[in-house]
Amino acid sequence: MKFGRQDCNADDPDQTAPTDKYPSPHGTYAMTTDFFNKEFGLTVNETVALIGAHTLGRARKADSGFSNQWVDGEYTFDNAFYRDILDASLDWVQVDLDGNDNDTDHLQWSQNKTGEAVNMMLTADMCLAFDIESDASKKENRSYSELGDSPGKTLVKIYAESNKIWLADFSVAYTKMVEKTPNIQLMAAQPDGENSPCKAPGATTPSSSSTLFPSFLLCIAAIMITKLF
């Protein structure tokens, strides 16, 4: 983790205008990966790895209009996010938190449970594995079981099966986002996986435990990425 930023050019309105850019929570795979490519220089695979940070934290309706945690154990930094996206037994359904056909800005995917708080996914999460075809109202007219695969599903499966590979690849993607570091590749892209971790010359392979970063850096990562949505 490197600190310090190059100063903006005060005479360039594109650098100093008080505007915020966020990816759409209703984004398709193409929309979501395109945003992270344009804003942070991430590849599509790095975007799939990065968004797994949603395994931490929760959305609050008062802040974003969306509600609940992404996974059980919102303080554990692991690959539960990917496992849950692929888990058909969780009975994922798209729900409208606004309850108003004229306002569909807060559609989210929720586990179809009753009488208890439910975990959720944004469309921009689900699209990492599934081909979401939202209509003009942001609704997906197919059920979870009817969704086709997106180009990211293979990688989602790899991360769902290996916490070690996801932690290593998240480290690459997160470092690239904050530093825009070139020429670092993902472990999951290697033909023999864990035996050939891709890394910059002289870099070390991240730990397979949940303590990939010091705790304060994990907090920064979660706040930054969750804030984007």
C-alpha atoms as a PDB file:
ATOM      1  CA  MET A   1       0.000   0.000   0.000  1.00  0.00           C
ATOM      2  CA  LYS A   2       1.538   3.273  -1.102  1.00  0.00           C
ATOM      3  CA  PHE A   3       0.424   6.633   0.139  1.00  0.00           C
ATOM      4  CA  GLY A   4       0.452  10.005  -1.548  1.00  0.00           C
ATOM      5  CA  ARG A   5      -1.277  11.429  -4.606  1.00  0.00           C
ATOM      6  CA  GLN A   6      -0.158  13.629  -7.445  1.00  0.00           C
ATOM      7  CA  ASP A   7      -1.705  17.069  -7.118  1.00  0.00           C
ATOM      8  CA  CYS A   8      -4.536  17.943  -9.482  1.00  0.00           C
ATOM      9  CA  ASN A   9      -4.079  20.633 -12.064  1.00  0.00           C
ATOM     10  CA  ALA A  10      -6.050  23.495 -10.520  1.00  0.00           C
ATOM     11  CA  ASP A  11      -6.591  24.999 -13.980  1.00  0.00           C
ATOM     12  CA  ASP A  12      -8.204  21.838 -15.365  1.00  0.00           C
ATOM     13  CA  PRO A  13     -11.958  21.782 -14.623  1.00  0.00           C
ATOM     14  CA  ASP A  14     -12.091  18.064 -15.396  1.00  0.00           C
ATOM     15  CA  GLN A  15      -9.804  17.433 -12.424  1.00  0.00           C
ATOM     16  CA  THR A  16     -11.275  19.911  -9.980  1.00  0.00           C
ATOM     17  CA  ALA A  17     -15.029  19.829 -10.702  1.00  0.00           C
ATOM     18  CA  PRO A  18     -16.963  18.661  -7.597  1.00  0.00           C
ATOM     19  CA  THR A  19     -18.516  15.599  -9.248  1.00  0.00           C
ATOM     20  CA  ASP A  20     -18.774  12.013  -8.026  1.00  0.00           C
ATOM     21  CA  LYS A  21     -18.830   9.002 -10.318  1.00  0.00           C
ATOM     22  CA  TYR A  22     -20.384   5.762  -9.171  1.00  0.00           C
ATOM     23  CA  PRO A  23     -21.241   2.544 -10.996  1.00  0.00           C
ATOM     24  CA  SER A  24     -24.926   1.800 -11.397  1.00  0.00           C
ATOM     25  CA  PRO A  25     -26.245  -0.666  -8.806  1.00  0.00           C
ATOM     26  CA  HIS A  26     -28.446  -1.923 -11.657  1.00  0.00           C
ATOM     27  CA  GLY A  27     -25.533  -2.359 -14.037  1.00  0.00           C
ATOM     28  CA  THR A  28     -25.151  -5.285 -16.397  1.00  0.00           C
ATOM     29  CA  TYR A  29     -21.857  -7.157 -16.689  1.00  0.00           C
ATOM     30  CA  ALA A  30     -20.780  -4.919 -19.575  1.00  0.00           C
ATOM     31  CA  MET A  31     -21.788  -1.699 -17.778  1.00  0.00           C
ATOM     32  CA  THR A  32     -20.090  -2.663 -14.514  1.00  0.00           C
ATOM     33  CA  THR A  33     -16.824  -3.881 -15.983  1.00  0.00           C
ATOM     34  CA  ASP A  34     -16.701  -0.912 -18.348  1.00  0.00           C
ATOM     35  CA  PHE A  35     -17.005   1.524 -15.421  1.00  0.00           C
ATOM     36  CA  PHE A  36     -14.078   0.001 -13.521  1.00  0.00           C
ATOM     37  CA  ASN A  37     -12.013  -0.146 -16.685  1.00  0.00           C
ATOM     38  CA  LYS A  38     -12.557   3.532 -17.500  1.00  0.00           C
ATOM     39  CA  GLU A  39     -12.222   4.841 -13.958  1.00  0.00           C
ATOM     40  CA  PHE A  40      -9.486   2.573 -12.569  1.00  0.00           C
ATOM     41  CA  GLY A  41      -7.976   0.746 -15.515  1.00  0.00           C
ATOM     42  CA  LEU A  42      -9.149  -2.654 -14.279  1.00  0.00           C
ATOM     43  CA  THR A  43      -9.649  -5.600 -16.594  1.00  0.00           C
ATOM     44  CA  VAL A  44     -12.971  -7.445 -16.527  1.00  0.00           C
ATOM     45  CA  ASN A  45     -11.427 -10.243 -14.435  1.00  0.00           C
ATOM     46  CA  GLU A  46      -9.956  -7.756 -11.957  1.00  0.00           C
ATOM     47  CA  THR A  47     -13.392  -6.192 -11.566  1.00  0.00           C
ATOM     48  CA  VAL A  48     -14.890  -9.592 -10.739  1.00  0.00           C
ATOM     49  CA  ALA A  49     -12.193 -10.046  -8.085  1.00  0.00           C
ATOM     50  CA  LEU A  50     -12.566  -6.546  -6.647  1.00  0.00           C
ATOM     51  CA  ILE A  51     -16.331  -6.554  -6.113  1.00  0.00           C
ATOM     52  CA  GLY A  52     -15.945  -9.509  -3.774  1.00  0.00           C
ATOM     53  CA  ALA A  53     -15.211  -6.847  -1.136  1.00  0.00           C
ATOM     54  CA  HIS A  54     -18.991  -6.810  -0.700  1.00  0.00           C
ATOM     55  CA  THR A  55     -18.425  -9.783   1.576  1.00  0.00           C
ATOM     56  CA  LEU A  56     -17.840  -7.048   4.169  1.00  0.00           C
ATOM     57  CA  GLY A  57     -20.410  -4.567   5.415  1.00  0.00           C
ATOM     58  CA  ARG A  58     -24.022  -3.898   4.541  1.00  0.00           C
ATOM     59  CA  ALA A  59     -26.290  -1.444   2.768  1.00  0.00           C
ATOM     60  CA  ARG A  60     -28.601   0.800   4.756  1.00  0.00           C
ATOM     61  CA  LYS A  61     -31.789   2.171   3.312  1.00  0.00           C
ATOM     62  CA  ALA A  62     -31.286   5.569   4.913  1.00  0.00           C
ATOM     63  CA  ASP A  63     -27.957   5.932   3.094  1.00  0.00           C
ATOM     64  CA  SER A  64     -28.357   4.279  -0.300  1.00  0.00           C
ATOM     65  CA  GLY A  65     -31.960   3.123  -0.515  1.00  0.00           C
ATOM     66  CA  PHE A  66     -30.822  -0.520  -0.422  1.00  0.00           C
ATOM     67  CA  SER A  67     -31.002  -2.706   2.656  1.00  0.00           C
ATOM     68  CA  ASN A  68     -29.230  -5.555   4.495  1.00  0.00           C
ATOM     69  CA  GLN A  69     -25.880  -7.272   4.395  1.00  0.00           C
ATOM     70  CA  TRP A  70     -24.567  -9.139   1.390  1.00  0.00           C
ATOM     71  CA  VAL A  71     -23.589 -12.307   3.265  1.00  0.00           C
ATOM     72  CA  ASP A  72     -23.818 -13.831   6.723  1.00  0.00           C
ATOM     73  CA  GLY A  73     -20.873 -12.733   8.827  1.00  0.00           C
ATOM     74  CA  GLU A  74     -20.485  -9.230   7.444  1.00  0.00           C
ATOM     75  CA  TYR A  75     -17.205  -8.740   9.327  1.00  0.00           C
ATOM     76  CA  THR A  76     -15.406 -11.752   7.808  1.00  0.00           C
ATOM     77  CA  PHE A  77     -13.232 -11.154   4.766  1.00  0.00           C
ATOM     78  CA  ASP A  78     -13.655 -14.334   2.730  1.00  0.00           C
ATOM     79  CA  ASN A  79     -15.203 -15.677  -0.480  1.00  0.00           C
ATOM     80  CA  ALA A  80     -18.762 -16.094   0.858  1.00  0.00           C
ATOM     81  CA  PHE A  81     -19.955 -13.441  -1.608  1.00  0.00           C
ATOM     82  CA  TYR A  82     -19.168 -15.702  -4.567  1.00  0.00           C
ATOM     83  CA  ARG A  83     -20.562 -18.829  -2.934  1.00  0.00           C
ATOM     84  CA  ASP A  84     -23.878 -17.103  -2.250  1.00  0.00           C
ATOM     85  CA  ILE A  85     -24.274 -15.734  -5.781  1.00  0.00           C
ATOM     86  CA  LEU A  86     -24.109 -19.305  -7.116  1.00  0.00           C
ATOM     87  CA  ASP A  87     -26.262 -20.875  -4.394  1.00  0.00           C
ATOM     88  CA  ALA A  88     -29.678 -21.595  -5.927  1.00  0.00           C
ATOM     89  CA  SER A  89     -30.900 -22.972  -2.593  1.00  0.00           C
ATOM     90  CA  LEU A  90     -30.994 -19.395  -1.277  1.00  0.00           C
ATOM     91  CA  ASP A  91     -34.034 -18.741  -3.510  1.00  0.00           C
ATOM     92  CA  TRP A  92     -32.874 -15.413  -4.896  1.00  0.00           C
ATOM     93  CA  VAL A  93     -35.693 -13.117  -6.034  1.00  0.00           C
ATOM     94  CA  GLN A  94     -35.674  -9.522  -7.247  1.00  0.00           C
ATOM     95  CA  VAL A  95     -37.613  -7.228  -4.930  1.00  0.00           C
ATOM     96  CA  ASP A  96     -38.582  -3.569  -5.125  1.00  0.00           C
ATOM     97  CA  LEU A  97     -37.807  -1.824  -1.841  1.00  0.00           C
ATOM     98  CA  ASP A  98     -39.769   1.244  -2.927  1.00  0.00           C
ATOM     99  CA  GLY A  99     -42.969  -0.763  -3.415  1.00  0.00           C
ATOM    100  CA  ASN A 100     -43.928   1.650  -6.169  1.00  0.00           C
ATOM    101  CA  ASP A 101     -44.149   0.797  -9.874  1.00  0.00           C
ATOM    102  CA  ASN A 102     -43.274   4.401 -10.666  1.00  0.00           C
ATOM    103  CA  ASP A 103     -40.031   4.261  -8.665  1.00  0.00           C
ATOM    104  CA  THR A 104     -37.783   1.273  -9.324  1.00  0.00           C
ATOM    105  CA  ASP A 105     -34.489   2.839  -8.295  1.00  0.00           C
ATOM    106  CA  HIS A 106     -34.054   0.391  -5.442  1.00  0.00           C
ATOM    107  CA  LEU A 107     -34.504  -3.064  -6.907  1.00  0.00           C
ATOM    108  CA  GLN A 108     -32.279  -5.643  -5.268  1.00  0.00           C
ATOM    109  CA  TRP A 109     -31.972  -9.426  -5.183  1.00  0.00           C
ATOM    110  CA  SER A 110     -32.957 -10.887  -1.813  1.00  0.00           C
ATOM    111  CA  GLN A 111     -33.054 -14.350  -0.329  1.00  0.00           C
ATOM    112  CA  ASN A 112     -36.664 -15.478  -0.359  1.00  0.00           C
ATOM    113  CA  LYS A 113     -37.071 -15.935   3.367  1.00  0.00           C
ATOM    114  CA  THR A 114     -39.940 -14.808   5.543  1.00  0.00           C
ATOM    115  CA  GLY A 115     -40.008 -13.523   9.095  1.00  0.00           C
ATOM    116  CA  GLU A 116     -36.311 -12.660   9.268  1.00  0.00           C
ATOM    117  CA  ALA A 117     -33.744 -10.273   7.871  1.00  0.00           C
ATOM    118  CA  VAL A 118     -32.501 -11.438   4.488  1.00  0.00           C
ATOM    119  CA  ASN A 119     -29.178 -11.060   2.741  1.00  0.00           C
ATOM    120  CA  MET A 120     -29.118  -9.266  -0.576  1.00  0.00           C
ATOM    121  CA  MET A 121     -27.225  -8.736  -3.828  1.00  0.00           C
ATOM    122  CA  LEU A 122     -27.342  -5.811  -6.206  1.00  0.00           C
ATOM    123  CA  THR A 123     -27.879  -6.442  -9.886  1.00  0.00           C
ATOM    124  CA  ALA A 124     -24.278  -5.236 -10.308  1.00  0.00           C
ATOM    125  CA  ASP A 125     -23.261  -8.156  -8.066  1.00  0.00           C
ATOM    126  CA  MET A 126     -25.431 -10.803  -9.715  1.00  0.00           C
ATOM    127  CA  CYS A 127     -24.237  -9.783 -13.175  1.00  0.00           C
ATOM    128  CA  LEU A 128     -20.758 -11.065 -12.355  1.00  0.00           C
ATOM    129  CA  ALA A 129     -22.135 -14.591 -12.848  1.00  0.00           C
ATOM    130  CA  PHE A 130     -25.411 -14.113 -14.706  1.00  0.00           C
ATOM    131  CA  ASP A 131     -26.583 -12.436 -17.881  1.00  0.00           C
ATOM    132  CA  ILE A 132     -28.918  -9.805 -16.479  1.00  0.00           C
ATOM    133  CA  GLU A 133     -31.203  -8.187 -19.050  1.00  0.00           C
ATOM    134  CA  SER A 134     -32.908  -5.438 -17.114  1.00  0.00           C
ATOM    135  CA  ASP A 135     -35.669  -3.580 -18.927  1.00  0.00           C
ATOM    136  CA  ALA A 136     -36.193   0.183 -18.866  1.00  0.00           C
ATOM    137  CA  SER A 137     -37.652  -0.085 -15.360  1.00  0.00           C
ATOM    138  CA  LYS A 138     -34.455  -1.892 -14.178  1.00  0.00           C
ATOM    139  CA  LYS A 139     -36.454  -5.096 -13.639  1.00  0.00           C
ATOM    140  CA  GLU A 140     -35.197  -8.507 -14.716  1.00  0.00           C
ATOM    141  CA  ASN A 141     -38.238 -10.356 -16.014  1.00  0.00           C
ATOM    142  CA  ARG A 142     -36.683 -13.803 -15.640  1.00  0.00           C
ATOM    143  CA  SER A 143     -36.362 -15.716 -12.394  1.00  0.00           C
ATOM    144  CA  TYR A 144     -32.968 -16.610 -10.918  1.00  0.00           C
ATOM    145  CA  SER A 145     -33.207 -20.156 -12.297  1.00  0.00           C
ATOM    146  CA  GLU A 146     -33.846 -18.824 -15.801  1.00  0.00           C
ATOM    147  CA  LEU A 147     -30.817 -16.540 -15.978  1.00  0.00           C
ATOM    148  CA  GLY A 148     -28.071 -17.325 -18.482  1.00  0.00           C
ATOM    149  CA  ASP A 149     -24.372 -17.115 -17.687  1.00  0.00           C
ATOM    150  CA  SER A 150     -22.304 -13.942 -17.979  1.00  0.00           C
ATOM    151  CA  PRO A 151     -18.651 -14.022 -19.096  1.00  0.00           C
ATOM    152  CA  GLY A 152     -17.596 -13.716 -15.451  1.00  0.00           C
ATOM    153  CA  LYS A 153     -19.248 -16.899 -14.181  1.00  0.00           C
ATOM    154  CA  THR A 154     -16.195 -19.104 -14.652  1.00  0.00           C
ATOM    155  CA  LEU A 155     -14.144 -16.800 -12.441  1.00  0.00           C
ATOM    156  CA  VAL A 156     -16.950 -16.534  -9.871  1.00  0.00           C
ATOM    157  CA  LYS A 157     -16.883 -20.347  -9.630  1.00  0.00           C
ATOM    158  CA  ILE A 158     -13.111 -20.347  -9.128  1.00  0.00           C
ATOM    159  CA  TYR A 159     -13.392 -17.809  -6.303  1.00  0.00           C
ATOM    160  CA  ALA A 160     -16.344 -19.645  -4.739  1.00  0.00           C
ATOM    161  CA  GLU A 161     -14.202 -22.784  -4.562  1.00  0.00           C
ATOM    162  CA  SER A 162     -10.896 -21.233  -3.457  1.00  0.00           C
ATOM    163  CA  ASN A 163     -10.632 -18.524  -0.842  1.00  0.00           C
ATOM    164  CA  LYS A 164      -6.846 -18.507  -1.346  1.00  0.00           C
ATOM    165  CA  ILE A 165      -7.083 -17.676  -5.057  1.00  0.00           C
ATOM    166  CA  TRP A 166      -9.671 -14.967  -4.437  1.00  0.00           C
ATOM    167  CA  LEU A 167      -7.621 -13.323  -1.677  1.00  0.00           C
ATOM    168  CA  ALA A 168      -4.564 -13.252  -3.941  1.00  0.00           C
ATOM    169  CA  ASP A 169      -6.500 -11.835  -6.884  1.00  0.00           C
ATOM    170  CA  PHE A 170      -8.358  -9.291  -4.754  1.00  0.00           C
ATOM    171  CA  SER A 171      -4.968  -8.043  -3.559  1.00  0.00           C
ATOM    172  CA  VAL A 172      -3.862  -7.534  -7.170  1.00  0.00           C
ATOM    173  CA  ALA A 173      -7.084  -5.769  -8.195  1.00  0.00           C
ATOM    174  CA  TYR A 174      -7.252  -3.562  -5.110  1.00  0.00           C
ATOM    175  CA  THR A 175      -3.601  -2.551  -5.412  1.00  0.00           C
ATOM    176  CA  LYS A 176      -4.107  -1.717  -9.065  1.00  0.00           C
ATOM    177  CA  MET A 177      -7.176   0.362  -8.240  1.00  0.00           C
ATOM    178  CA  VAL A 178      -5.431   2.529  -5.647  1.00  0.00           C
ATOM    179  CA  GLU A 179      -2.037   2.653  -7.371  1.00  0.00           C
ATOM    180  CA  LYS A 180      -2.907   1.854 -11.010  1.00  0.00           C
ATOM    181  CA  THR A 181      -0.069  -0.665 -11.023  1.00  0.00           C
ATOM    182  CA  PRO A 182       0.575  -2.197 -14.462  1.00  0.00           C
ATOM    183  CA  ASN A 183       1.813  -5.662 -15.390  1.00  0.00           C
ATOM    184  CA  ILE A 184       0.412  -7.630 -12.459  1.00  0.00           C
ATOM    185  CA  GLN A 185      -1.741 -10.615 -13.362  1.00  0.00           C
ATOM    186  CA  LEU A 186      -4.335 -12.649 -11.520  1.00  0.00           C
ATOM    187  CA  MET A 187      -3.617 -16.015  -9.934  1.00  0.00           C
ATOM    188  CA  ALA A 188      -6.828 -17.466 -11.369  1.00  0.00           C
ATOM    189  CA  ALA A 189      -5.553 -16.733 -14.871  1.00  0.00           C
ATOM    190  CA  GLN A 190      -2.711 -19.231 -14.432  1.00  0.00           C
ATOM    191  CA  PRO A 191      -3.183 -22.736 -15.863  1.00  0.00           C
ATOM    192  CA  ASP A 192      -2.004 -24.426 -12.666  1.00  0.00           C
ATOM    193  CA  GLY A 193      -3.691 -21.997 -10.295  1.00  0.00           C
ATOM    194  CA  GLU A 194      -2.217 -21.874  -6.818  1.00  0.00           C
ATOM    195  CA  ASN A 195       1.160 -23.249  -7.915  1.00  0.00           C
ATOM    196  CA  SER A 196       1.814 -20.247 -10.144  1.00  0.00           C
ATOM    197  CA  PRO A 197       0.633 -17.106  -8.366  1.00  0.00           C
ATOM    198  CA  CYS A 198       1.053 -14.142 -10.686  1.00  0.00           C
ATOM    199  CA  LYS A 199       2.768 -11.232  -9.048  1.00  0.00           C
ATOM    200  CA  ALA A 200       5.064  -8.348  -9.727  1.00  0.00           C
ATOM    201  CA  PRO A 201       8.808  -9.135  -9.627  1.00  0.00           C
ATOM    202  CA  GLY A 202       9.880  -9.418  -6.018  1.00  0.00           C
ATOM    203  CA  ALA A 203       6.330  -9.435  -4.676  1.00  0.00           C
ATOM    204  CA  THR A 204       5.174 -11.974  -2.121  1.00  0.00           C
ATOM    205  CA  THR A 205       2.178 -14.248  -2.370  1.00  0.00           C
ATOM    206  CA  PRO A 206      -0.695 -13.123  -0.110  1.00  0.00           C
ATOM    207  CA  SER A 207      -1.701 -15.291   2.821  1.00  0.00           C
ATOM    208  CA  SER A 208      -4.581 -17.730   2.477  1.00  0.00           C
ATOM    209  CA  SER A 209      -6.054 -16.588   5.765  1.00  0.00           C
ATOM    210  CA  SER A 210      -8.612 -13.853   6.286  1.00  0.00           C
ATOM    211  CA  THR A 211      -5.851 -11.492   7.398  1.00  0.00           C
ATOM    212  CA  LEU A 212      -4.642 -10.513   3.941  1.00  0.00           C
ATOM    213  CA  PHE A 213      -4.284  -6.876   4.965  1.00  0.00           C
ATOM    214  CA  PRO A 214      -3.910  -5.224   8.348  1.00  0.00           C
ATOM    215  CA  SER A 215      -7.374  -4.604   9.731  1.00  0.00           C
ATOM    216  CA  PHE A 216      -7.351  -0.866   9.070  1.00  0.00           C
ATOM    217  CA  LEU A 217      -6.617  -1.466   5.375  1.00  0.00           C
ATOM    218  CA  LEU A 218      -9.486  -3.931   5.177  1.00  0.00           C
ATOM    219  CA  CYS A 219     -11.761  -1.237   6.547  1.00  0.00           C
ATOM    220  CA  ILE A 220     -10.509   1.223   3.941  1.00  0.00           C
ATOM    221  CA  ALA A 221     -11.039  -1.325   1.157  1.00  0.00           C
ATOM    222  CA  ALA A 222     -14.575  -2.127   2.273  1.00  0.00           C
ATOM    223  CA  ILE A 223     -15.563   1.510   2.692  1.00  0.00           C
ATOM    224  CA  MET A 224     -14.140   2.532  -0.683  1.00  0.00           C
ATOM    225  CA  ILE A 225     -15.715  -0.273  -2.712  1.00  0.00           C
ATOM    226  CA  THR A 226     -19.060  -0.362  -0.891  1.00  0.00           C
ATOM    227  CA  LYS A 227     -19.288   3.440  -1.221  1.00  0.00           C
ATOM    228  CA  LEU A 228     -19.021   3.084  -5.003  1.00  0.00           C
ATOM    229  CA  PHE A 229     -22.440   1.469  -4.960  1.00  0.00           C
END
